[in-house]
Structure formats: C-alpha cells, structure tokens
Amino acid sequence: MGISVTGFAAGAVVDFGGFPVNPMWTVTLPIGAIFLGVALISLILEKEVAQYDEEQAKRIALAREHVARPPAVPARQNHPTYENQAFQAVR
C-alpha cells in the first residue's frame, strides 16, 4: 500500500506538475495503480486464504488419523526380501 501511495504521489507531481523531468518518470503513476490493485486483491482474498489453510490442516490431521499402520513383524522370524527370493530362484 505504501508503494501505491508513493507511486500515485510521485506520478501526480511528474505528470501534472509541469516540471521539466525525464519522461521516464511518468511510469510512476501506472506503477502506483498496479500496486493499489495488488493491495486490494490481497485484502479481499485474505479471509479466503485463511479459510483454505484451516481446511487443509483439518484434512491433513484426518489423513494422519487414518494412515494404515504396517503389521508388526516378529523379531526372530526371517522374512526374505524380494532380492533374496530372486537369488534363491536362480540357485
């Protein structure tokens, strides 16, 4: 919002003041308008973004509750891996 106000003020002085300045400074007025639009859009969408973040946090928490746990493997039992099974098949 500060950039917008600064752009509008500088642009108004350059465009409507009649001072002999470099014509490249006339870009400050449109920059002020652009940043005003960005600031207004961010203010409008602020509540929507907060609501979306809350919904995603609820979904993540729900997904963590329902994650399938792998079955416990007994400690002394030898379970061959896929590679071991392949080597045994070749022998």
PDB file of N, CA and C in Angstrom:
ATOM      1  N   MET A   1       0.824  -1.176   0.000  1.00  0.00           N
ATOM      2  CA  MET A   1       0.000   0.000   0.000  1.00  0.00           C
ATOM      3  C   MET A   1       0.880   1.257   0.000  1.00  0.00           C
ATOM      4  N   GLY A   2       2.013   1.170   0.681  1.00  0.00           N
ATOM      5  CA  GLY A   2       2.928   2.308   0.706  1.00  0.00           C
ATOM      6  C   GLY A   2       3.518   2.607  -0.661  1.00  0.00           C
ATOM      7  N   ILE A   3       3.837   1.550  -1.399  1.00  0.00           N
ATOM      8  CA  ILE A   3       4.368   1.739  -2.756  1.00  0.00           C
ATOM      9  C   ILE A   3       3.308   2.383  -3.639  1.00  0.00           C
ATOM     10  N   SER A   4       2.064   2.001  -3.433  1.00  0.00           N
ATOM     11  CA  SER A   4       0.969   2.562  -4.223  1.00  0.00           C
ATOM     12  C   SER A   4       0.825   4.063  -3.966  1.00  0.00           C
ATOM     13  N   VAL A   5       0.819   4.446  -2.702  1.00  0.00           N
ATOM     14  CA  VAL A   5       0.686   5.866  -2.362  1.00  0.00           C
ATOM     15  C   VAL A   5       1.872   6.659  -2.896  1.00  0.00           C
ATOM     16  N   THR A   6       3.064   6.108  -2.742  1.00  0.00           N
ATOM     17  CA  THR A   6       4.262   6.786  -3.248  1.00  0.00           C
ATOM     18  C   THR A   6       4.210   6.924  -4.767  1.00  0.00           C
ATOM     19  N   GLY A   7       3.780   5.863  -5.450  1.00  0.00           N
ATOM     20  CA  GLY A   7       3.679   5.915  -6.907  1.00  0.00           C
ATOM     21  C   GLY A   7       2.668   6.937  -7.385  1.00  0.00           C
ATOM     22  N   PHE A   8       1.501   6.986  -6.705  1.00  0.00           N
ATOM     23  CA  PHE A   8       0.495   7.977  -7.088  1.00  0.00           C
ATOM     24  C   PHE A   8       0.984   9.401  -6.830  1.00  0.00           C
ATOM     25  N   ALA A   9       1.631   9.615  -5.691  1.00  0.00           N
ATOM     26  CA  ALA A   9       2.106  10.965  -5.367  1.00  0.00           C
ATOM     27  C   ALA A   9       3.199  11.412  -6.342  1.00  0.00           C
ATOM     28  N   ALA A  10       4.181  10.558  -6.562  1.00  0.00           N
ATOM     29  CA  ALA A  10       5.260  10.923  -7.486  1.00  0.00           C
ATOM     30  C   ALA A  10       4.733  11.072  -8.902  1.00  0.00           C
ATOM     31  N   GLY A  11       3.837  10.185  -9.301  1.00  0.00           N
ATOM     32  CA  GLY A  11       3.268  10.287 -10.651  1.00  0.00           C
ATOM     33  C   GLY A  11       2.445  11.533 -10.847  1.00  0.00           C
ATOM     34  N   ALA A  12       1.702  11.930  -9.831  1.00  0.00           N
ATOM     35  CA  ALA A  12       0.901  13.149  -9.939  1.00  0.00           C
ATOM     36  C   ALA A  12       1.795  14.372 -10.068  1.00  0.00           C
ATOM     37  N   VAL A  13       2.882  14.409  -9.313  1.00  0.00           N
ATOM     38  CA  VAL A  13       3.806  15.541  -9.395  1.00  0.00           C
ATOM     39  C   VAL A  13       4.470  15.587 -10.766  1.00  0.00           C
ATOM     40  N   VAL A  14       4.903  14.424 -11.250  1.00  0.00           N
ATOM     41  CA  VAL A  14       5.608  14.386 -12.538  1.00  0.00           C
ATOM     42  C   VAL A  14       4.648  14.687 -13.689  1.00  0.00           C
ATOM     43  N   ASP A  15       3.460  14.072 -13.679  1.00  0.00           N
ATOM     44  CA  ASP A  15       2.555  14.217 -14.822  1.00  0.00           C
ATOM     45  C   ASP A  15       1.806  15.548 -14.833  1.00  0.00           C
ATOM     46  N   PHE A  16       1.384  16.007 -13.661  1.00  0.00           N
ATOM     47  CA  PHE A  16       0.529  17.193 -13.632  1.00  0.00           C
ATOM     48  C   PHE A  16       1.238  18.435 -13.108  1.00  0.00           C
ATOM     49  N   GLY A  17       2.473  18.307 -12.666  1.00  0.00           N
ATOM     50  CA  GLY A  17       3.193  19.444 -12.102  1.00  0.00           C
ATOM     51  C   GLY A  17       3.805  20.373 -13.132  1.00  0.00           C
ATOM     52  N   GLY A  18       4.039  19.878 -14.317  1.00  0.00           N
ATOM     53  CA  GLY A  18       4.638  20.708 -15.356  1.00  0.00           C
ATOM     54  C   GLY A  18       6.124  20.936 -15.149  1.00  0.00           C
ATOM     55  N   PHE A  19       6.772  20.111 -14.345  1.00  0.00           N
ATOM     56  CA  PHE A  19       8.210  20.255 -14.120  1.00  0.00           C
ATOM     57  C   PHE A  19       8.979  19.591 -15.262  1.00  0.00           C
ATOM     58  N   PRO A  20      10.114  20.165 -15.631  1.00  0.00           N
ATOM     59  CA  PRO A  20      10.925  19.537 -16.682  1.00  0.00           C
ATOM     60  C   PRO A  20      11.743  18.368 -16.100  1.00  0.00           C
ATOM     61  N   VAL A  21      11.181  17.159 -16.161  1.00  0.00           N
ATOM     62  CA  VAL A  21      11.857  15.957 -15.656  1.00  0.00           C
ATOM     63  C   VAL A  21      11.983  14.958 -16.792  1.00  0.00           C
ATOM     64  N   ASN A  22      12.769  13.972 -16.564  1.00  0.00           N
ATOM     65  CA  ASN A  22      12.950  12.904 -17.541  1.00  0.00           C
ATOM     66  C   ASN A  22      11.593  12.224 -17.781  1.00  0.00           C
ATOM     67  N   PRO A  23      11.203  12.034 -19.047  1.00  0.00           N
ATOM     68  CA  PRO A  23       9.900  11.415 -19.325  1.00  0.00           C
ATOM     69  C   PRO A  23       9.762   9.984 -18.787  1.00  0.00           C
ATOM     70  N   MET A  24      10.878   9.370 -18.449  1.00  0.00           N
ATOM     71  CA  MET A  24      10.821   8.014 -17.920  1.00  0.00           C
ATOM     72  C   MET A  24      10.126   7.984 -16.550  1.00  0.00           C
ATOM     73  N   TRP A  25      10.083   9.105 -15.846  1.00  0.00           N
ATOM     74  CA  TRP A  25       9.442   9.159 -14.540  1.00  0.00           C
ATOM     75  C   TRP A  25       7.915   9.104 -14.631  1.00  0.00           C
ATOM     76  N   THR A  26       7.362   9.228 -15.818  1.00  0.00           N
ATOM     77  CA  THR A  26       5.900   9.168 -15.947  1.00  0.00           C
ATOM     78  C   THR A  26       5.363   7.763 -15.696  1.00  0.00           C
ATOM     79  N   VAL A  27       6.228   6.779 -15.599  1.00  0.00           N
ATOM     80  CA  VAL A  27       5.803   5.411 -15.333  1.00  0.00           C
ATOM     81  C   VAL A  27       5.379   5.236 -13.868  1.00  0.00           C
ATOM     82  N   THR A  28       5.692   6.192 -13.010  1.00  0.00           N
ATOM     83  CA  THR A  28       5.364   6.030 -11.584  1.00  0.00           C
ATOM     84  C   THR A  28       3.866   6.044 -11.315  1.00  0.00           C
ATOM     85  N   LEU A  29       3.091   6.783 -12.076  1.00  0.00           N
ATOM     86  CA  LEU A  29       1.639   6.806 -11.859  1.00  0.00           C
ATOM     87  C   LEU A  29       1.006   5.445 -12.164  1.00  0.00           C
ATOM     88  N   PRO A  30       1.307   4.797 -13.294  1.00  0.00           N
ATOM     89  CA  PRO A  30       0.749   3.454 -13.510  1.00  0.00           C
ATOM     90  C   PRO A  30       1.255   2.420 -12.509  1.00  0.00           C
ATOM     91  N   ILE A  31       2.501   2.574 -12.044  1.00  0.00           N
ATOM     92  CA  ILE A  31       3.006   1.643 -11.030  1.00  0.00           C
ATOM     93  C   ILE A  31       2.210   1.784  -9.739  1.00  0.00           C
ATOM     94  N   GLY A  32       1.862   3.006  -9.387  1.00  0.00           N
ATOM     95  CA  GLY A  32       1.021   3.217  -8.212  1.00  0.00           C
ATOM     96  C   GLY A  32      -0.335   2.549  -8.359  1.00  0.00           C
ATOM     97  N   ALA A  33      -0.917   2.629  -9.551  1.00  0.00           N
ATOM     98  CA  ALA A  33      -2.213   1.994  -9.792  1.00  0.00           C
ATOM     99  C   ALA A  33      -2.110   0.471  -9.733  1.00  0.00           C
ATOM    100  N   ILE A  34      -1.041  -0.064 -10.271  1.00  0.00           N
ATOM    101  CA  ILE A  34      -0.846  -1.522 -10.256  1.00  0.00           C
ATOM    102  C   ILE A  34      -0.721  -2.022  -8.820  1.00  0.00           C
ATOM    103  N   PHE A  35       0.094  -1.353  -8.019  1.00  0.00           N
ATOM    104  CA  PHE A  35       0.278  -1.792  -6.639  1.00  0.00           C
ATOM    105  C   PHE A  35      -0.974  -1.574  -5.797  1.00  0.00           C
ATOM    106  N   LEU A  36      -1.787  -0.573  -6.136  1.00  0.00           N
ATOM    107  CA  LEU A  36      -3.064  -0.417  -5.450  1.00  0.00           C
ATOM    108  C   LEU A  36      -3.966  -1.611  -5.744  1.00  0.00           C
ATOM    109  N   GLY A  37      -3.997  -2.055  -6.988  1.00  0.00           N
ATOM    110  CA  GLY A  37      -4.787  -3.236  -7.341  1.00  0.00           C
ATOM    111  C   GLY A  37      -4.309  -4.486  -6.629  1.00  0.00           C
ATOM    112  N   VAL A  38      -3.011  -4.669  -6.558  1.00  0.00           N
ATOM    113  CA  VAL A  38      -2.451  -5.837  -5.862  1.00  0.00           C
ATOM    114  C   VAL A  38      -2.808  -5.794  -4.380  1.00  0.00           C
ATOM    115  N   ALA A  39      -2.728  -4.619  -3.763  1.00  0.00           N
ATOM    116  CA  ALA A  39      -3.058  -4.492  -2.346  1.00  0.00           C
ATOM    117  C   ALA A  39      -4.532  -4.780  -2.097  1.00  0.00           C
ATOM    118  N   LEU A  40      -5.397  -4.295  -2.959  1.00  0.00           N
ATOM    119  CA  LEU A  40      -6.834  -4.541  -2.781  1.00  0.00           C
ATOM    120  C   LEU A  40      -7.178  -6.014  -2.978  1.00  0.00           C
ATOM    121  N   ILE A  41      -6.565  -6.656  -3.951  1.00  0.00           N
ATOM    122  CA  ILE A  41      -6.809  -8.079  -4.179  1.00  0.00           C
ATOM    123  C   ILE A  41      -6.343  -8.893  -2.979  1.00  0.00           C
ATOM    124  N   SER A  42      -5.192  -8.550  -2.423  1.00  0.00           N
ATOM    125  CA  SER A  42      -4.704  -9.299  -1.261  1.00  0.00           C
ATOM    126  C   SER A  42      -5.613  -9.089  -0.052  1.00  0.00           C
ATOM    127  N   LEU A  43      -6.168  -7.903   0.118  1.00  0.00           N
ATOM    128  CA  LEU A  43      -7.105  -7.673   1.221  1.00  0.00           C
ATOM    129  C   LEU A  43      -8.399  -8.455   1.025  1.00  0.00           C
ATOM    130  N   ILE A  44      -8.868  -8.533  -0.203  1.00  0.00           N
ATOM    131  CA  ILE A  44     -10.105  -9.262  -0.483  1.00  0.00           C
ATOM    132  C   ILE A  44      -9.921 -10.754  -0.253  1.00  0.00           C
ATOM    133  N   LEU A  45      -8.778 -11.299  -0.649  1.00  0.00           N
ATOM    134  CA  LEU A  45      -8.561 -12.742  -0.565  1.00  0.00           C
ATOM    135  C   LEU A  45      -7.974 -13.198   0.766  1.00  0.00           C
ATOM    136  N   GLU A  46      -7.730 -12.292   1.697  1.00  0.00           N
ATOM    137  CA  GLU A  46      -7.094 -12.650   2.958  1.00  0.00           C
ATOM    138  C   GLU A  46      -7.917 -13.664   3.751  1.00  0.00           C
ATOM    139  N   LYS A  47      -9.225 -13.459   3.855  1.00  0.00           N
ATOM    140  CA  LYS A  47     -10.084 -14.382   4.603  1.00  0.00           C
ATOM    141  C   LYS A  47     -10.210 -15.721   3.894  1.00  0.00           C
ATOM    142  N   GLU A  48     -10.262 -15.697   2.579  1.00  0.00           N
ATOM    143  CA  GLU A  48     -10.380 -16.943   1.821  1.00  0.00           C
ATOM    144  C   GLU A  48      -9.129 -17.810   1.987  1.00  0.00           C
ATOM    145  N   VAL A  49      -7.968 -17.190   1.985  1.00  0.00           N
ATOM    146  CA  VAL A  49      -6.726 -17.930   2.143  1.00  0.00           C
ATOM    147  C   VAL A  49      -6.640 -18.531   3.545  1.00  0.00           C
ATOM    148  N   ALA A  50      -7.066 -17.778   4.551  1.00  0.00           N
ATOM    149  CA  ALA A  50      -7.068 -18.299   5.923  1.00  0.00           C
ATOM    150  C   ALA A  50      -8.024 -19.484   6.052  1.00  0.00           C
ATOM    151  N   GLN A  51      -9.183 -19.393   5.431  1.00  0.00           N
ATOM    152  CA  GLN A  51     -10.150 -20.498   5.462  1.00  0.00           C
ATOM    153  C   GLN A  51      -9.594 -21.721   4.739  1.00  0.00           C
ATOM    154  N   TYR A  52      -8.931 -21.517   3.622  1.00  0.00           N
ATOM    155  CA  TYR A  52      -8.330 -22.628   2.889  1.00  0.00           C
ATOM    156  C   TYR A  52      -7.246 -23.315   3.721  1.00  0.00           C
ATOM    157  N   ASP A  53      -6.426 -22.526   4.412  1.00  0.00           N
ATOM    158  CA  ASP A  53      -5.380 -23.101   5.255  1.00  0.00           C
ATOM    159  C   ASP A  53      -5.978 -23.948   6.381  1.00  0.00           C
ATOM    160  N   GLU A  54      -7.072 -23.479   6.975  1.00  0.00           N
ATOM    161  CA  GLU A  54      -7.732 -24.252   8.028  1.00  0.00           C
ATOM    162  C   GLU A  54      -8.283 -25.568   7.484  1.00  0.00           C
ATOM    163  N   GLU A  55      -8.903 -25.523   6.309  1.00  0.00           N
ATOM    164  CA  GLU A  55      -9.441 -26.741   5.701  1.00  0.00           C
ATOM    165  C   GLU A  55      -8.327 -27.742   5.401  1.00  0.00           C
ATOM    166  N   GLN A  56      -7.206 -27.269   4.889  1.00  0.00           N
ATOM    167  CA  GLN A  56      -6.100 -28.167   4.590  1.00  0.00           C
ATOM    168  C   GLN A  56      -5.509 -28.763   5.866  1.00  0.00           C
ATOM    169  N   ALA A  57      -5.434 -27.985   6.931  1.00  0.00           N
ATOM    170  CA  ALA A  57      -4.926 -28.513   8.200  1.00  0.00           C
ATOM    171  C   ALA A  57      -5.851 -29.602   8.736  1.00  0.00           C
ATOM    172  N   LYS A  58      -7.163 -29.408   8.604  1.00  0.00           N
ATOM    173  CA  LYS A  58      -8.119 -30.433   9.043  1.00  0.00           C
ATOM    174  C   LYS A  58      -7.980 -31.698   8.205  1.00  0.00           C
ATOM    175  N   ARG A  59      -7.805 -31.549   6.907  1.00  0.00           N
ATOM    176  CA  ARG A  59      -7.651 -32.722   6.034  1.00  0.00           C
ATOM    177  C   ARG A  59      -6.371 -33.489   6.357  1.00  0.00           C
ATOM    178  N   ILE A  60      -5.299 -32.776   6.615  1.00  0.00           N
ATOM    179  CA  ILE A  60      -4.040 -33.437   6.951  1.00  0.00           C
ATOM    180  C   ILE A  60      -4.165 -34.175   8.278  1.00  0.00           C
ATOM    181  N   ALA A  61      -4.811 -33.546   9.260  1.00  0.00           N
ATOM    182  CA  ALA A  61      -4.994 -34.206  10.551  1.00  0.00           C
ATOM    183  C   ALA A  61      -5.863 -35.444  10.410  1.00  0.00           C
ATOM    184  N   LEU A  62      -6.904 -35.368   9.603  1.00  0.00           N
ATOM    185  CA  LEU A  62      -7.779 -36.517   9.379  1.00  0.00           C
ATOM    186  C   LEU A  62      -7.030 -37.633   8.656  1.00  0.00           C
ATOM    187  N   ALA A  63      -6.195 -37.275   7.703  1.00  0.00           N
ATOM    188  CA  ALA A  63      -5.427 -38.287   6.972  1.00  0.00           C
ATOM    189  C   ALA A  63      -4.412 -38.968   7.894  1.00  0.00           C
ATOM    190  N   ARG A  64      -3.821 -38.215   8.801  1.00  0.00           N
ATOM    191  CA  ARG A  64      -2.857 -38.808   9.722  1.00  0.00           C
ATOM    192  C   ARG A  64      -3.519 -39.778  10.688  1.00  0.00           C
ATOM    193  N   GLU A  65      -4.782 -39.528  11.032  1.00  0.00           N
ATOM    194  CA  GLU A  65      -5.505 -40.437  11.924  1.00  0.00           C
ATOM    195  C   GLU A  65      -5.801 -41.771  11.255  1.00  0.00           C
ATOM    196  N   HIS A  66      -6.004 -41.750   9.960  1.00  0.00           N
ATOM    197  CA  HIS A  66      -6.437 -42.948   9.241  1.00  0.00           C
ATOM    198  C   HIS A  66      -5.333 -43.581   8.402  1.00  0.00           C
ATOM    199  N   VAL A  67      -4.087 -43.313   8.722  1.00  0.00           N
ATOM    200  CA  VAL A  67      -2.977 -43.919   7.989  1.00  0.00           C
ATOM    201  C   VAL A  67      -2.886 -45.387   8.390  1.00  0.00           C
ATOM    202  N   ALA A  68      -2.762 -46.244   7.393  1.00  0.00           N
ATOM    203  CA  ALA A  68      -2.656 -47.680   7.665  1.00  0.00           C
ATOM    204  C   ALA A  68      -1.281 -47.972   8.248  1.00  0.00           C
ATOM    205  N   ARG A  69      -1.274 -48.601   9.388  1.00  0.00           N
ATOM    206  CA  ARG A  69      -0.017 -48.973  10.031  1.00  0.00           C
ATOM    207  C   ARG A  69       0.429 -50.326   9.492  1.00  0.00           C
ATOM    208  N   PRO A  70       1.710 -50.500   9.191  1.00  0.00           N
ATOM    209  CA  PRO A  70       2.178 -51.799   8.712  1.00  0.00           C
ATOM    210  C   PRO A  70       2.093 -52.829   9.849  1.00  0.00           C
ATOM    211  N   PRO A  71       1.835 -54.077   9.509  1.00  0.00           N
ATOM    212  CA  PRO A  71       1.746 -55.091  10.551  1.00  0.00           C
ATOM    213  C   PRO A  71       3.110 -55.292  11.214  1.00  0.00           C
ATOM    214  N   ALA A  72       3.067 -55.614  12.492  1.00  0.00           N
ATOM    215  CA  ALA A  72       4.305 -55.828  13.236  1.00  0.00           C
ATOM    216  C   ALA A  72       4.921 -57.147  12.811  1.00  0.00           C
ATOM    217  N   VAL A  73       6.222 -57.160  12.570  1.00  0.00           N
ATOM    218  CA  VAL A  73       6.950 -58.359  12.160  1.00  0.00           C
ATOM    219  C   VAL A  73       7.624 -58.946  13.394  1.00  0.00           C
ATOM    220  N   PRO A  74       7.447 -60.234  13.638  1.00  0.00           N
ATOM    221  CA  PRO A  74       8.138 -60.841  14.782  1.00  0.00           C
ATOM    222  C   PRO A  74       9.648 -60.674  14.649  1.00  0.00           C
ATOM    223  N   ALA A  75      10.330 -60.528  15.777  1.00  0.00           N
ATOM    224  CA  ALA A  75      11.745 -60.185  15.772  1.00  0.00           C
ATOM    225  C   ALA A  75      12.636 -61.323  15.284  1.00  0.00           C
ATOM    226  N   ARG A  76      12.306 -62.572  15.579  1.00  0.00           N
ATOM    227  CA  ARG A  76      13.208 -63.686  15.259  1.00  0.00           C
ATOM    228  C   ARG A  76      12.867 -64.378  13.950  1.00  0.00           C
ATOM    229  N   GLN A  77      11.854 -63.957  13.308  1.00  0.00           N
ATOM    230  CA  GLN A  77      11.463 -64.624  12.074  1.00  0.00           C
ATOM    231  C   GLN A  77      12.236 -64.012  10.906  1.00  0.00           C
ATOM    232  N   ASN A  78      12.701 -64.846   9.978  1.00  0.00           N
ATOM    233  CA  ASN A  78      13.463 -64.376   8.832  1.00  0.00           C
ATOM    234  C   ASN A  78      12.512 -64.225   7.653  1.00  0.00           C
ATOM    235  N   HIS A  79      12.277 -63.004   7.230  1.00  0.00           N
ATOM    236  CA  HIS A  79      11.429 -62.740   6.079  1.00  0.00           C
ATOM    237  C   HIS A  79      12.321 -62.365   4.908  1.00  0.00           C
ATOM    238  N   PRO A  80      12.380 -63.202   3.889  1.00  0.00           N
ATOM    239  CA  PRO A  80      13.251 -62.880   2.755  1.00  0.00           C
ATOM    240  C   PRO A  80      12.720 -61.684   1.976  1.00  0.00           C
ATOM    241  N   THR A  81      13.637 -60.875   1.522  1.00  0.00           N
ATOM    242  CA  THR A  81      13.264 -59.727   0.721  1.00  0.00           C
ATOM    243  C   THR A  81      13.067 -60.162  -0.734  1.00  0.00           C
ATOM    244  N   TYR A  82      12.628 -59.248  -1.536  1.00  0.00           N
ATOM    245  CA  TYR A  82      12.398 -59.548  -2.946  1.00  0.00           C
ATOM    246  C   TYR A  82      13.705 -59.971  -3.618  1.00  0.00           C
ATOM    247  N   GLU A  83      14.800 -59.301  -3.272  1.00  0.00           N
ATOM    248  CA  GLU A  83      16.083 -59.641  -3.878  1.00  0.00           C
ATOM    249  C   GLU A  83      16.542 -61.030  -3.443  1.00  0.00           C
ATOM    250  N   ASN A  84      16.358 -61.355  -2.166  1.00  0.00           N
ATOM    251  CA  ASN A  84      16.734 -62.686  -1.691  1.00  0.00           C
ATOM    252  C   ASN A  84      15.922 -63.772  -2.377  1.00  0.00           C
ATOM    253  N   GLN A  85      14.642 -63.535  -2.599  1.00  0.00           N
ATOM    254  CA  GLN A  85      13.804 -64.506  -3.296  1.00  0.00           C
ATOM    255  C   GLN A  85      14.292 -64.689  -4.728  1.00  0.00           C
ATOM    256  N   ALA A  86      14.719 -63.611  -5.376  1.00  0.00           N
ATOM    257  CA  ALA A  86      15.205 -63.712  -6.735  1.00  0.00           C
ATOM    258  C   ALA A  86      16.504 -64.501  -6.786  1.00  0.00           C
ATOM    259  N   PHE A  87      17.398 -64.268  -5.829  1.00  0.00           N
ATOM    260  CA  PHE A  87      18.646 -65.044  -5.789  1.00  0.00           C
ATOM    261  C   PHE A  87      18.391 -66.521  -5.506  1.00  0.00           C
ATOM    262  N   GLN A  88      17.414 -66.809  -4.648  1.00  0.00           N
ATOM    263  CA  GLN A  88      17.102 -68.197  -4.344  1.00  0.00           C
ATOM    264  C   GLN A  88      16.493 -68.899  -5.550  1.00  0.00           C
ATOM    265  N   ALA A  89      15.729 -68.169  -6.341  1.00  0.00           N
ATOM    266  CA  ALA A  89      15.116 -68.760  -7.514  1.00  0.00           C
ATOM    267  C   ALA A  89      16.175 -69.106  -8.573  1.00  0.00           C
ATOM    268  N   VAL A  90      17.246 -68.314  -8.648  1.00  0.00           N
ATOM    269  CA  VAL A  90      18.292 -68.534  -9.630  1.00  0.00           C
ATOM    270  C   VAL A  90      19.136 -69.744  -9.227  1.00  0.00           C
ATOM    271  N   ARG A  91      19.335 -69.972  -7.959  1.00  0.00           N
ATOM    272  CA  ARG A  91      20.171 -71.099  -7.488  1.00  0.00           C
ATOM    273  C   ARG A  91      19.533 -72.356  -7.810  1.00  0.00           C
TER     274      ARG A  91
END
